[in-house]
Amino acid sequence: MGSGPPSRKRRREFTGCWRCRARKVKCDQKSPCSACQRLGLECDSSSARLVWINGNDSYRSTGRRDMHCERTWANHSILKSDVVDLLIERCDSDISAEKQWPGTVDHNPFSVFSVLPSTSLISCINQVMASGGTDTAHANSEDSFIFHHYVHYVASVMMPFEHPCNPWKKYYPAVSLQYILPEQKSLYHALLSHAAFNLAHLGFDKTRMLRLATRNYNISIQHLNNSIQTLGSDYSGTLAAILTLMMAEVYSGQSSNWKHHLQGAWAFLLDSMNTEPWNESQFACFSTQSLLIVRIISGTCANGSNTSTLMLTPDLQSACTVPEMITPSEPAEINLIPSASNSELAFATSILSTPQFGFTIGAQRSLLECISAITTVSQQMASGAFDTTPFVIDSIISRIIARLELHREQTNEVSPLYEITPAFKEIDRPGNQVQDLARYQLNAFLYATYIYLYRALLDVPPRRVTTYVTLTFQNIAAFYAQSSGNLSLWPAFIAAVEAYTEPDMVSAQMWLEHSGQFGLGNRLEVKRIIEEVWRRREEAHIGRAIDKGRIAVDWREVAGDLGIDILLV
């Protein structure tokens, strides 16, 4: 018998869509391909499938050749586990950087998933690698898991919107991983405590997370004591550790110890003010800004006649001068005259003048100055240490309102909301989503400041501020229409406690529901205060047949009656 026809040699191709490869049919490589269109299937011709495999484990490819992982890393140095964690963390970044890896980091194994890290983070990674002390940071997989949660979640919700200059994501983890100096160790364990409290309130293994949060909190305190007692300890690392411990207390939602950390941080800053350490680096600057912002916001939480509850140091942050005459040429001028020495005034002004002050909370310097001025005047009026004649009060209020009106005009312009530095120009250009979210957040702060002004200095009933309450929640709704971010607490709370109409209360309830999903313990306390304010207003309305818009309820008195010491950040 003769031999049969020669076998036809099949030509293998490694192009085309993955569905055609799985079905072993020829693909015309269109996008979408004709075969998928004919069958009504979703074509994935433009996608890539990346698979990790272990050592000699077998893997059945559905298309292209596979290569063992040790071959893909040939001729490259081995990276330490903490460096790998940082590289993975950057996979979700929106920053583009077509740069070669400098120094010891010569290859990023995760660059196929996203872009390379920014130059500043690369520098931090190289510092971590060069330090030689990072092996002791993550003592176990449990610590590594909690640290990962901080980097990927907690650091993000520390700001109202995602931004590559978020200091809690950009600086805090990298500094803590150096784990050599006492302040670096304190910061590392403070981050773990902060993240563990958050996981507990998110419902993840609550008992274990609370135990880990407490353990790391105590370890952080021990290292912090060593840092403070060490001559020449690093300012930025020490301050960051104190502030992180304060936020851990806030996230726990069960303690007023945040006040002690605020007091300690402020005293630490006063001891360092002669050297102006906030000018040393962006890390130091952002941390110092955060401290002053927290101090300003915390002032609004104190009962007007009880300044000792808030004022943990002898001075106030800001106040208004009693103007001799208000003229149209100086509507925006508010002078800072805290009851402190001229040197303390100068250093506070210096911090307020640093670039992007207020950025991390979604406000601006001018608004925070107004809030601080309102607080100071309110407390001075309550203590009787202030000239409360109608002319003086009207003059101060007129000056603050002039500043707010000017701010209102500026935010309606197309110009950027913040003083733009080179690092922010690309991100904060007009029309960018971050810019839109920042505008809604800033407007919410603006209208809430109007509410705070009229309620704190004039004690007007809610009906007099209802327009500002509605405007605040309109901007909050616009913010959430474009983002699922963690809107700053202060403006929403200030509006919610004065809400009495059905639409505004519904808006406040929607915000409360969204706000409670981030795992922040203080949000539960915030809800208790707001609902009790509403209950008391309703009770007075029914009992005395008075319109609810005429019934003023001081939320700070309610918080005191409930035994809640709240920080609205």
Protein backbone atom coordinates (compact mmCIF):
# COMPACT_ATOMS: atom_id res chain seq x y z
CA MET A 1 0.00 0.00 0.00
CA GLY A 2 1.23 3.44 -0.80
CA SER A 3 1.80 6.01 1.91
CA GLY A 4 -1.01 8.39 2.71
CA PRO A 5 -1.00 12.09 1.94
CA PRO A 6 1.57 14.06 3.88
CA SER A 7 0.24 15.49 7.13
CA ARG A 8 -0.59 19.17 7.02
CA LYS A 9 1.66 21.22 9.25
CA ARG A 10 -0.37 23.50 11.51
CA ARG A 11 0.89 27.03 12.00
CA ARG A 12 0.48 28.27 15.60
CA GLU A 13 -0.14 31.94 16.21
CA PHE A 14 0.04 33.82 19.47
CA THR A 15 -2.17 36.72 18.51
CA GLY A 16 -5.91 37.19 18.46
CA CYS A 17 -8.46 37.31 21.24
CA TRP A 18 -8.45 34.97 24.23
CA ARG A 19 -11.89 33.52 23.49
CA CYS A 20 -10.79 32.34 20.04
CA ARG A 21 -7.63 30.83 21.51
CA ALA A 22 -9.67 28.93 24.11
CA ARG A 23 -12.00 27.64 21.35
CA LYS A 24 -8.97 26.88 19.12
CA VAL A 25 -10.38 28.75 16.14
CA LYS A 26 -8.72 31.29 13.89
CA CYS A 27 -9.20 34.90 14.95
CA ASP A 28 -9.19 37.76 12.45
CA GLN A 29 -7.62 39.93 15.16
CA LYS A 30 -10.11 42.75 14.75
CA SER A 31 -11.32 44.62 17.79
CA PRO A 32 -13.84 43.14 18.40
CA CYS A 33 -13.16 40.10 16.25
CA SER A 34 -15.73 38.75 13.77
CA ALA A 35 -16.15 35.40 15.56
CA CYS A 36 -17.11 37.00 18.85
CA GLN A 37 -19.43 39.44 17.12
CA ARG A 38 -21.20 36.59 15.32
CA LEU A 39 -21.70 34.63 18.54
CA GLY A 40 -22.65 37.69 20.60
CA LEU A 41 -19.68 37.25 22.94
CA GLU A 42 -17.67 39.95 24.65
CA CYS A 43 -14.36 40.11 22.83
CA ASP A 44 -11.18 40.66 24.87
CA SER A 45 -8.79 41.07 21.97
CA SER A 46 -7.12 44.11 23.49
CA SER A 47 -6.66 42.72 26.99
CA ALA A 48 -3.69 40.99 28.56
CA ARG A 49 -3.80 38.02 30.93
CA LEU A 50 -0.97 37.96 33.42
CA VAL A 51 -0.40 34.86 35.51
CA TRP A 52 1.97 34.26 38.44
CA ILE A 53 3.22 30.68 38.83
CA ASN A 54 5.38 29.10 41.50
CA GLY A 55 8.73 27.52 40.73
CA ASN A 56 8.31 24.11 39.03
CA ASP A 57 4.49 24.04 39.27
CA SER A 58 2.92 23.13 35.96
CA TYR A 59 0.63 25.57 34.19
CA ARG A 60 -1.51 24.91 31.12
CA SER A 61 -1.38 27.95 28.90
CA THR A 62 -4.45 29.05 26.96
CA GLY A 63 -2.42 30.83 24.35
CA ARG A 64 1.03 32.29 24.69
CA ARG A 65 4.06 30.50 26.09
CA ASP A 66 4.58 30.46 29.84
CA MET A 67 7.86 31.14 31.58
CA HIS A 68 8.80 30.16 35.11
CA CYS A 69 8.98 33.05 37.54
CA GLU A 70 12.64 32.56 38.45
CA ARG A 71 13.55 33.14 34.79
CA THR A 72 11.63 36.41 34.64
CA TRP A 73 13.77 37.70 37.51
CA ALA A 74 17.11 36.57 36.12
CA ASN A 75 19.98 39.07 36.52
CA HIS A 76 17.98 41.26 38.94
CA SER A 77 18.70 41.79 42.64
CA ILE A 78 16.28 40.37 45.21
CA LEU A 79 13.96 42.95 46.80
CA LYS A 80 13.09 42.91 50.47
CA SER A 81 9.51 42.20 51.46
CA ASP A 82 8.75 45.72 52.72
CA VAL A 83 10.00 47.23 49.44
CA VAL A 84 7.75 44.81 47.53
CA ASP A 85 4.81 45.98 49.67
CA LEU A 86 5.49 49.59 48.76
CA LEU A 87 5.78 48.76 45.06
CA ILE A 88 2.48 46.89 45.14
CA GLU A 89 0.87 49.85 46.92
CA ARG A 90 1.75 52.07 43.98
CA CYS A 91 0.04 49.83 41.41
CA ASP A 92 -3.22 51.78 41.76
CA SER A 93 -1.55 55.20 41.44
CA ASP A 94 -2.58 57.57 38.66
CA ILE A 95 0.85 59.17 38.49
CA SER A 96 2.74 58.54 35.25
CA ALA A 97 6.52 58.43 35.34
CA GLU A 98 8.59 57.12 32.45
CA LYS A 99 11.83 57.01 34.37
CA GLN A 100 14.54 54.43 34.93
CA TRP A 101 14.92 53.08 38.45
CA PRO A 102 17.80 54.81 40.20
CA GLY A 103 20.19 53.33 42.73
CA THR A 104 19.52 49.93 44.19
CA VAL A 105 16.00 49.51 42.76
CA ASP A 106 16.85 48.52 39.19
CA HIS A 107 13.63 46.77 38.21
CA ASN A 108 9.97 46.91 39.24
CA PRO A 109 8.28 43.50 38.84
CA PHE A 110 4.85 45.14 39.04
CA SER A 111 5.36 47.71 36.30
CA VAL A 112 3.28 45.47 33.99
CA PHE A 113 0.25 46.24 36.15
CA SER A 114 0.63 49.99 36.39
CA VAL A 115 3.13 52.79 36.16
CA LEU A 116 6.31 53.32 38.13
CA PRO A 117 6.25 55.19 41.44
CA SER A 118 6.88 58.90 41.63
CA THR A 119 10.42 60.11 42.10
CA SER A 120 9.80 61.09 45.72
CA LEU A 121 8.54 57.65 46.68
CA ILE A 122 11.41 55.99 44.80
CA SER A 123 13.73 58.06 46.96
CA CYS A 124 11.92 56.87 50.11
CA ILE A 125 12.16 53.25 48.95
CA ASN A 126 15.88 53.58 48.34
CA GLN A 127 16.32 55.12 51.79
CA VAL A 128 14.42 52.20 53.30
CA MET A 129 16.62 49.70 51.46
CA ALA A 130 19.81 51.50 52.43
CA SER A 131 18.81 51.73 56.09
CA GLY A 132 19.38 48.04 56.76
CA GLY A 133 16.84 48.04 59.58
CA THR A 134 13.60 47.22 57.77
CA ASP A 135 13.62 43.48 58.41
CA THR A 136 12.37 44.07 61.95
CA ALA A 137 9.40 46.26 60.96
CA HIS A 138 6.82 43.63 60.04
CA ALA A 139 7.27 41.16 62.86
CA ASN A 140 4.67 38.79 61.41
CA SER A 141 2.07 38.41 58.69
CA GLU A 142 -0.55 39.97 60.98
CA ASP A 143 1.40 43.23 61.17
CA SER A 144 1.99 43.13 57.44
CA PHE A 145 -1.74 42.73 56.79
CA ILE A 146 -2.69 45.65 59.06
CA PHE A 147 0.04 47.86 57.58
CA HIS A 148 -1.24 47.01 54.11
CA HIS A 149 -4.73 48.11 55.20
CA TYR A 150 -3.36 51.42 56.42
CA VAL A 151 -1.58 52.14 53.14
CA HIS A 152 -4.43 51.07 50.88
CA TYR A 153 -7.44 52.29 52.84
CA VAL A 154 -6.89 54.35 55.99
CA ALA A 155 -4.42 56.74 54.37
CA SER A 156 -6.92 57.41 51.58
CA VAL A 157 -9.86 58.23 53.86
CA MET A 158 -7.71 60.67 55.80
CA MET A 159 -8.42 63.10 52.94
CA PRO A 160 -11.75 63.95 51.25
CA PHE A 161 -10.53 62.82 47.83
CA GLU A 162 -7.71 60.82 46.27
CA HIS A 163 -4.64 62.90 45.57
CA PRO A 164 -1.02 61.86 44.91
CA CYS A 165 0.20 64.42 47.46
CA ASN A 166 -1.73 62.77 50.29
CA PRO A 167 0.92 62.91 53.08
CA TRP A 168 -0.53 59.92 54.97
CA LYS A 169 0.05 57.75 51.92
CA LYS A 170 3.15 59.43 50.55
CA TYR A 171 5.31 59.96 53.65
CA TYR A 172 4.02 58.23 56.78
CA PRO A 173 4.41 54.58 55.64
CA ALA A 174 7.83 55.11 54.05
CA VAL A 175 9.24 56.87 57.12
CA SER A 176 7.83 54.29 59.54
CA LEU A 177 9.33 51.37 57.60
CA GLN A 178 12.84 52.65 58.24
CA TYR A 179 12.25 51.41 61.82
CA ILE A 180 15.60 52.52 63.23
CA LEU A 181 14.99 55.62 65.35
CA PRO A 182 12.53 55.54 68.29
CA GLU A 183 10.20 58.01 66.51
CA GLN A 184 10.16 55.80 63.40
CA LYS A 185 9.24 52.78 65.51
CA SER A 186 6.61 54.83 67.34
CA LEU A 187 5.11 55.97 64.05
CA TYR A 188 5.06 52.41 62.68
CA HIS A 189 3.15 51.00 65.66
CA ALA A 190 0.86 54.05 65.74
CA LEU A 191 -0.06 53.34 62.11
CA LEU A 192 -0.84 49.72 63.02
CA SER A 193 -3.01 50.86 65.93
CA HIS A 194 -4.81 53.37 63.73
CA ALA A 195 -5.50 50.77 61.03
CA ALA A 196 -6.53 48.06 63.51
CA PHE A 197 -9.14 50.34 65.12
CA ASN A 198 -10.47 51.03 61.66
CA LEU A 199 -10.69 47.32 60.82
CA ALA A 200 -12.54 46.71 64.09
CA HIS A 201 -15.18 49.32 63.22
CA LEU A 202 -15.46 47.89 59.73
CA GLY A 203 -16.50 44.63 61.39
CA PHE A 204 -13.38 42.63 60.56
CA ASP A 205 -12.60 40.25 63.45
CA LYS A 206 -13.47 43.02 65.89
CA THR A 207 -12.22 41.44 69.13
CA ARG A 208 -8.82 40.54 67.69
CA MET A 209 -8.40 43.90 65.96
CA LEU A 210 -9.22 45.82 69.13
CA ARG A 211 -6.63 43.75 70.98
CA LEU A 212 -4.00 44.41 68.30
CA ALA A 213 -4.89 48.10 68.20
CA THR A 214 -4.38 48.42 71.95
CA ARG A 215 -1.13 46.43 71.91
CA ASN A 216 0.42 48.52 69.14
CA TYR A 217 -0.85 51.71 70.76
CA ASN A 218 1.04 50.87 73.97
CA ILE A 219 4.19 49.91 72.05
CA SER A 220 4.02 53.19 70.15
CA ILE A 221 3.73 55.15 73.41
CA GLN A 222 6.84 53.42 74.77
CA HIS A 223 8.91 54.30 71.68
CA LEU A 224 7.50 57.84 71.69
CA ASN A 225 8.66 58.37 75.28
CA ASN A 226 12.13 57.23 74.23
CA SER A 227 12.06 59.62 71.29
CA ILE A 228 11.03 62.63 73.35
CA GLN A 229 13.74 61.89 75.92
CA THR A 230 16.38 61.55 73.20
CA LEU A 231 18.32 64.74 72.56
CA GLY A 232 18.01 65.82 68.93
CA SER A 233 15.17 63.47 68.01
CA ASP A 234 13.69 63.94 64.55
CA TYR A 235 10.92 66.56 64.66
CA SER A 236 8.84 65.32 61.73
CA GLY A 237 8.84 61.67 62.81
CA THR A 238 7.99 62.49 66.43
CA LEU A 239 5.15 64.86 65.51
CA ALA A 240 3.76 62.38 62.98
CA ALA A 241 3.73 59.66 65.65
CA ILE A 242 1.85 61.88 68.14
CA LEU A 243 -0.73 62.91 65.52
CA THR A 244 -1.22 59.30 64.43
CA LEU A 245 -1.84 58.24 68.03
CA MET A 246 -4.38 61.05 68.27
CA MET A 247 -6.16 59.81 65.16
CA ALA A 248 -6.09 56.25 66.52
CA GLU A 249 -8.03 57.58 69.51
CA VAL A 250 -10.48 59.34 67.19
CA TYR A 251 -10.98 56.17 65.15
CA SER A 252 -11.53 54.15 68.31
CA GLY A 253 -14.53 56.35 69.09
CA GLN A 254 -14.45 55.46 72.79
CA SER A 255 -12.00 57.90 74.31
CA SER A 256 -11.29 61.56 74.89
CA ASN A 257 -7.56 60.89 75.08
CA TRP A 258 -7.16 62.61 71.73
CA LYS A 259 -7.06 65.86 73.73
CA HIS A 260 -3.94 64.73 75.61
CA HIS A 261 -2.17 63.97 72.33
CA LEU A 262 -3.23 67.35 70.95
CA GLN A 263 -1.84 69.02 74.07
CA GLY A 264 1.41 67.06 73.80
CA ALA A 265 1.81 67.79 70.11
CA TRP A 266 1.21 71.50 70.64
CA ALA A 267 3.73 71.65 73.50
CA PHE A 268 6.24 69.77 71.34
CA LEU A 269 5.70 72.30 68.55
CA LEU A 270 6.16 75.27 70.91
CA ASP A 271 9.46 73.80 72.12
CA SER A 272 10.65 73.58 68.52
CA MET A 273 9.28 76.83 67.12
CA ASN A 274 12.54 78.80 67.27
CA THR A 275 14.03 76.58 64.56
CA GLU A 276 10.87 76.61 62.39
CA PRO A 277 11.17 72.85 61.73
CA TRP A 278 8.08 72.83 59.50
CA ASN A 279 10.31 74.28 56.77
CA GLU A 280 12.66 71.26 56.83
CA SER A 281 10.63 69.12 54.42
CA GLN A 282 7.17 68.63 52.94
CA PHE A 283 6.66 65.82 55.44
CA ALA A 284 7.35 68.16 58.37
CA CYS A 285 5.26 70.92 56.79
CA PHE A 286 2.16 68.78 56.23
CA SER A 287 2.34 67.33 59.75
CA THR A 288 2.64 70.79 61.30
CA GLN A 289 -0.23 72.05 59.18
CA SER A 290 -2.34 69.10 60.33
CA LEU A 291 -1.67 69.96 63.96
CA LEU A 292 -2.76 73.58 63.54
CA ILE A 293 -5.85 72.53 61.54
CA VAL A 294 -6.89 70.07 64.24
CA ARG A 295 -6.38 72.75 66.87
CA ILE A 296 -8.60 75.18 64.98
CA ILE A 297 -11.37 72.61 64.41
CA SER A 298 -11.19 71.33 67.99
CA GLY A 299 -11.88 74.87 69.19
CA THR A 300 -15.35 74.75 67.69
CA CYS A 301 -16.18 71.69 69.80
CA ALA A 302 -15.74 73.36 73.19
CA ASN A 303 -18.57 74.85 75.20
CA GLY A 304 -18.33 78.63 74.88
CA SER A 305 -17.91 79.20 78.62
CA ASN A 306 -15.49 76.32 79.17
CA THR A 307 -12.28 77.17 77.35
CA SER A 308 -10.24 74.79 79.51
CA THR A 309 -11.90 71.85 77.77
CA LEU A 310 -10.23 72.86 74.54
CA MET A 311 -7.44 75.28 75.28
CA LEU A 312 -4.76 72.93 76.42
CA THR A 313 -2.10 75.61 76.03
CA PRO A 314 -2.29 79.22 77.23
CA ASP A 315 -2.81 80.76 73.82
CA LEU A 316 -5.63 80.80 71.30
CA GLN A 317 -4.97 80.16 67.65
CA SER A 318 -6.58 83.18 66.10
CA ALA A 319 -8.82 86.07 66.94
CA CYS A 320 -10.15 89.25 65.45
CA THR A 321 -8.96 92.69 66.33
CA VAL A 322 -11.65 95.08 67.41
CA PRO A 323 -11.60 97.37 64.38
CA GLU A 324 -11.61 101.10 64.90
CA MET A 325 -13.46 101.56 61.67
CA ILE A 326 -14.59 99.24 58.90
CA THR A 327 -13.96 100.64 55.46
CA PRO A 328 -14.78 99.17 52.04
CA SER A 329 -11.09 99.13 51.20
CA GLU A 330 -10.26 96.52 53.85
CA PRO A 331 -13.10 93.96 53.88
CA ALA A 332 -10.88 90.90 54.00
CA GLU A 333 -8.49 92.03 56.72
CA ILE A 334 -8.64 89.98 59.91
CA ASN A 335 -5.67 90.33 62.22
CA LEU A 336 -4.49 87.43 64.33
CA ILE A 337 -4.07 88.44 67.97
CA PRO A 338 -4.00 85.26 70.05
CA SER A 339 -3.50 85.80 73.76
CA ALA A 340 0.12 84.82 73.42
CA SER A 341 3.53 86.38 72.97
CA ASN A 342 4.54 88.09 69.74
CA SER A 343 6.91 85.23 68.98
CA GLU A 344 4.09 82.68 69.21
CA LEU A 345 1.94 84.86 66.99
CA ALA A 346 4.76 85.05 64.46
CA PHE A 347 5.26 81.29 64.39
CA ALA A 348 1.50 80.64 64.01
CA THR A 349 1.39 83.11 61.13
CA SER A 350 4.39 81.39 59.59
CA ILE A 351 2.61 78.02 59.61
CA LEU A 352 -0.56 79.57 58.18
CA SER A 353 1.53 80.99 55.35
CA THR A 354 2.99 77.66 54.26
CA PRO A 355 1.93 76.41 50.80
CA GLN A 356 -1.38 74.54 50.54
CA PHE A 357 -2.42 75.22 54.14
CA GLY A 358 -5.84 73.63 54.66
CA PHE A 359 -5.51 71.40 51.59
CA THR A 360 -5.60 68.11 53.50
CA ILE A 361 -8.95 68.91 55.14
CA GLY A 362 -10.46 70.43 52.00
CA ALA A 363 -10.46 74.07 53.16
CA GLN A 364 -8.32 77.18 52.70
CA ARG A 365 -6.29 79.35 55.01
CA SER A 366 -8.78 82.23 54.86
CA LEU A 367 -11.71 80.01 55.88
CA LEU A 368 -9.81 78.41 58.73
CA GLU A 369 -8.77 81.86 59.96
CA CYS A 370 -12.45 82.90 59.99
CA ILE A 371 -13.45 79.77 61.90
CA SER A 372 -10.71 80.36 64.46
CA ALA A 373 -11.68 84.03 64.82
CA ILE A 374 -15.34 83.13 65.42
CA THR A 375 -14.30 80.60 68.08
CA THR A 376 -12.06 83.05 69.91
CA VAL A 377 -14.60 85.87 69.95
CA SER A 378 -17.33 83.48 71.08
CA GLN A 379 -15.23 82.23 73.98
CA GLN A 380 -14.23 85.75 75.00
CA MET A 381 -17.88 86.83 74.96
CA ALA A 382 -18.87 83.84 77.12
CA SER A 383 -16.11 84.55 79.65
CA GLY A 384 -17.01 88.22 79.93
CA ALA A 385 -13.50 89.28 78.93
CA PHE A 386 -14.65 91.02 75.79
CA ASP A 387 -16.41 94.29 74.97
CA THR A 388 -19.86 93.01 74.00
CA THR A 389 -21.40 96.34 72.99
CA PRO A 390 -23.50 96.02 69.83
CA PHE A 391 -21.13 98.23 67.83
CA VAL A 392 -18.09 96.10 68.58
CA ILE A 393 -19.84 92.79 67.84
CA ASP A 394 -21.40 94.17 64.65
CA SER A 395 -18.01 95.44 63.49
CA ILE A 396 -16.35 92.08 64.02
CA ILE A 397 -19.17 90.19 62.32
CA SER A 398 -19.14 92.63 59.39
CA ARG A 399 -15.43 92.09 58.91
CA ILE A 400 -15.73 88.29 58.98
CA ILE A 401 -18.72 88.34 56.60
CA ALA A 402 -16.75 90.58 54.22
CA ARG A 403 -13.97 87.97 54.22
CA LEU A 404 -16.48 85.17 53.56
CA GLU A 405 -18.18 87.10 50.76
CA LEU A 406 -14.84 87.71 49.10
CA HIS A 407 -14.06 84.02 49.43
CA ARG A 408 -17.47 83.18 47.93
CA GLU A 409 -16.74 85.32 44.87
CA GLN A 410 -13.34 83.75 44.37
CA THR A 411 -14.63 80.17 44.50
CA ASN A 412 -17.09 80.95 41.69
CA GLU A 413 -14.25 81.86 39.37
CA VAL A 414 -12.54 79.39 37.04
CA SER A 415 -9.16 79.94 38.70
CA PRO A 416 -7.69 77.10 40.80
CA LEU A 417 -8.86 76.85 44.38
CA TYR A 418 -5.41 76.51 45.90
CA GLU A 419 -2.16 78.32 45.40
CA ILE A 420 -0.68 76.11 42.73
CA THR A 421 2.86 74.87 43.12
CA PRO A 422 4.63 72.97 40.31
CA ALA A 423 3.75 69.61 41.90
CA PHE A 424 0.01 70.44 41.77
CA LYS A 425 -0.34 72.09 38.36
CA GLU A 426 -1.07 68.93 36.40
CA ILE A 427 -3.41 67.45 39.00
CA ASP A 428 -5.35 70.57 40.01
CA ARG A 429 -5.93 72.12 36.61
CA PRO A 430 -9.48 73.51 36.11
CA GLY A 431 -11.93 70.90 34.81
CA ASN A 432 -10.12 68.03 36.46
CA GLN A 433 -12.31 65.79 38.65
CA VAL A 434 -10.10 66.44 41.68
CA GLN A 435 -10.60 70.15 41.12
CA ASP A 436 -14.39 69.71 40.96
CA LEU A 437 -14.47 67.63 44.13
CA ALA A 438 -12.26 70.18 45.88
CA ARG A 439 -14.66 72.94 44.89
CA TYR A 440 -17.71 71.14 46.32
CA GLN A 441 -15.81 70.37 49.51
CA LEU A 442 -14.62 73.96 49.80
CA ASN A 443 -18.12 75.36 49.23
CA ALA A 444 -19.46 73.09 51.96
CA PHE A 445 -16.86 74.54 54.31
CA LEU A 446 -17.76 78.08 53.26
CA TYR A 447 -21.52 77.77 53.90
CA ALA A 448 -20.94 75.88 57.15
CA THR A 449 -18.74 78.77 58.30
CA TYR A 450 -21.67 81.14 57.75
CA ILE A 451 -23.80 78.84 59.93
CA TYR A 452 -21.12 78.73 62.62
CA LEU A 453 -20.79 82.53 62.57
CA TYR A 454 -24.51 83.26 63.03
CA ARG A 455 -25.08 80.55 65.60
CA ALA A 456 -21.94 81.16 67.71
CA LEU A 457 -21.90 84.97 67.75
CA LEU A 458 -25.57 85.94 67.30
CA ASP A 459 -27.34 82.82 68.62
CA VAL A 460 -29.91 83.04 65.82
CA PRO A 461 -32.53 80.27 65.49
CA PRO A 462 -32.15 77.61 62.76
CA ARG A 463 -34.59 79.35 60.42
CA ARG A 464 -32.08 82.20 59.98
CA VAL A 465 -29.43 79.83 58.63
CA THR A 466 -31.60 77.37 56.73
CA THR A 467 -30.42 78.74 53.36
CA TYR A 468 -26.81 77.96 54.27
CA VAL A 469 -27.79 74.51 55.56
CA THR A 470 -29.43 73.72 52.22
CA LEU A 471 -26.47 75.07 50.24
CA THR A 472 -24.06 73.00 52.34
CA PHE A 473 -25.94 69.78 51.61
CA GLN A 474 -26.33 70.66 47.93
CA ASN A 475 -22.55 70.76 47.63
CA ILE A 476 -22.24 67.57 49.67
CA ALA A 477 -24.69 65.85 47.29
CA ALA A 478 -22.70 67.12 44.29
CA PHE A 479 -19.52 65.78 45.90
CA TYR A 480 -21.02 62.31 46.38
CA ALA A 481 -22.45 62.31 42.85
CA GLN A 482 -18.86 62.17 41.59
CA SER A 483 -17.02 60.47 44.44
CA SER A 484 -17.33 57.90 47.20
CA GLY A 485 -14.64 59.72 49.19
CA ASN A 486 -14.63 60.62 52.86
CA LEU A 487 -16.02 64.16 52.96
CA SER A 488 -14.64 66.29 55.81
CA LEU A 489 -16.71 65.94 58.95
CA TRP A 490 -16.87 69.53 60.20
CA PRO A 491 -19.01 71.24 57.51
CA ALA A 492 -21.52 68.39 57.25
CA PHE A 493 -21.93 68.18 61.02
CA ILE A 494 -22.31 71.96 61.49
CA ALA A 495 -25.11 71.94 58.90
CA ALA A 496 -26.77 68.74 60.17
CA VAL A 497 -27.30 69.96 63.75
CA GLU A 498 -29.19 73.01 62.41
CA ALA A 499 -31.32 71.05 59.91
CA TYR A 500 -35.03 71.13 60.75
CA THR A 501 -36.90 71.07 57.42
CA GLU A 502 -37.79 67.68 55.99
CA PRO A 503 -35.56 67.98 52.87
CA ASP A 504 -32.53 69.10 54.89
CA MET A 505 -33.00 66.36 57.47
CA VAL A 506 -33.27 63.76 54.72
CA SER A 507 -30.04 65.11 53.20
CA ALA A 508 -28.36 64.94 56.59
CA GLN A 509 -29.55 61.37 57.13
CA MET A 510 -28.18 60.34 53.72
CA TRP A 511 -24.83 61.87 54.63
CA LEU A 512 -24.85 60.11 58.02
CA GLU A 513 -25.49 56.77 56.33
CA HIS A 514 -22.62 57.27 53.91
CA SER A 515 -20.32 58.67 56.60
CA GLY A 516 -20.83 55.64 58.82
CA GLN A 517 -19.42 53.24 56.23
CA PHE A 518 -15.75 54.23 56.61
CA GLY A 519 -15.10 52.52 59.94
CA LEU A 520 -14.44 55.68 61.95
CA GLY A 521 -15.53 55.33 65.55
CA ASN A 522 -16.17 59.04 66.09
CA ARG A 523 -18.86 58.99 63.38
CA LEU A 524 -21.05 56.87 65.67
CA GLU A 525 -20.75 59.55 68.35
CA VAL A 526 -21.50 62.24 65.79
CA LYS A 527 -24.72 60.47 64.84
CA ARG A 528 -25.77 60.27 68.50
CA ILE A 529 -25.30 64.02 68.94
CA ILE A 530 -27.19 64.98 65.78
CA GLU A 531 -30.13 62.70 66.51
CA GLU A 532 -30.37 63.97 70.11
CA VAL A 533 -30.36 67.59 68.87
CA TRP A 534 -33.20 66.73 66.51
CA ARG A 535 -35.09 64.92 69.28
CA ARG A 536 -34.85 67.86 71.67
CA ARG A 537 -35.97 70.29 68.97
CA GLU A 538 -38.93 68.08 68.13
CA GLU A 539 -39.81 67.71 71.81
CA ALA A 540 -39.79 71.49 72.32
CA HIS A 541 -41.81 71.95 69.14
CA ILE A 542 -44.55 69.58 70.30
CA GLY A 543 -44.53 70.64 73.94
CA ARG A 544 -44.69 74.39 73.32
CA ALA A 545 -46.30 74.49 69.84
CA ILE A 546 -43.42 76.55 68.49
CA ASP A 547 -42.19 76.37 64.93
CA LYS A 548 -39.10 74.12 64.82
CA GLY A 549 -37.22 76.78 62.89
CA ARG A 550 -37.38 79.04 65.94
CA ILE A 551 -35.94 76.49 68.37
CA ALA A 552 -32.18 76.77 68.89
CA VAL A 553 -30.40 73.79 70.44
CA ASP A 554 -26.72 74.09 71.33
CA TRP A 555 -25.14 70.85 70.13
CA ARG A 556 -22.15 71.35 72.44
CA GLU A 557 -24.42 71.25 75.46
CA VAL A 558 -26.02 68.09 74.05
CA ALA A 559 -22.57 66.49 73.62
CA GLY A 560 -21.76 67.41 77.22
CA ASP A 561 -25.00 65.87 78.48
CA LEU A 562 -24.24 62.68 76.54
CA GLY A 563 -20.68 62.59 77.90
CA ILE A 564 -19.21 62.79 74.39
CA ASP A 565 -15.95 64.63 73.71
CA ILE A 566 -15.94 64.87 69.93
CA LEU A 567 -13.25 65.97 67.48
CA LEU A 568 -14.83 66.92 64.14
CA VAL A 569 -12.12 65.58 61.83
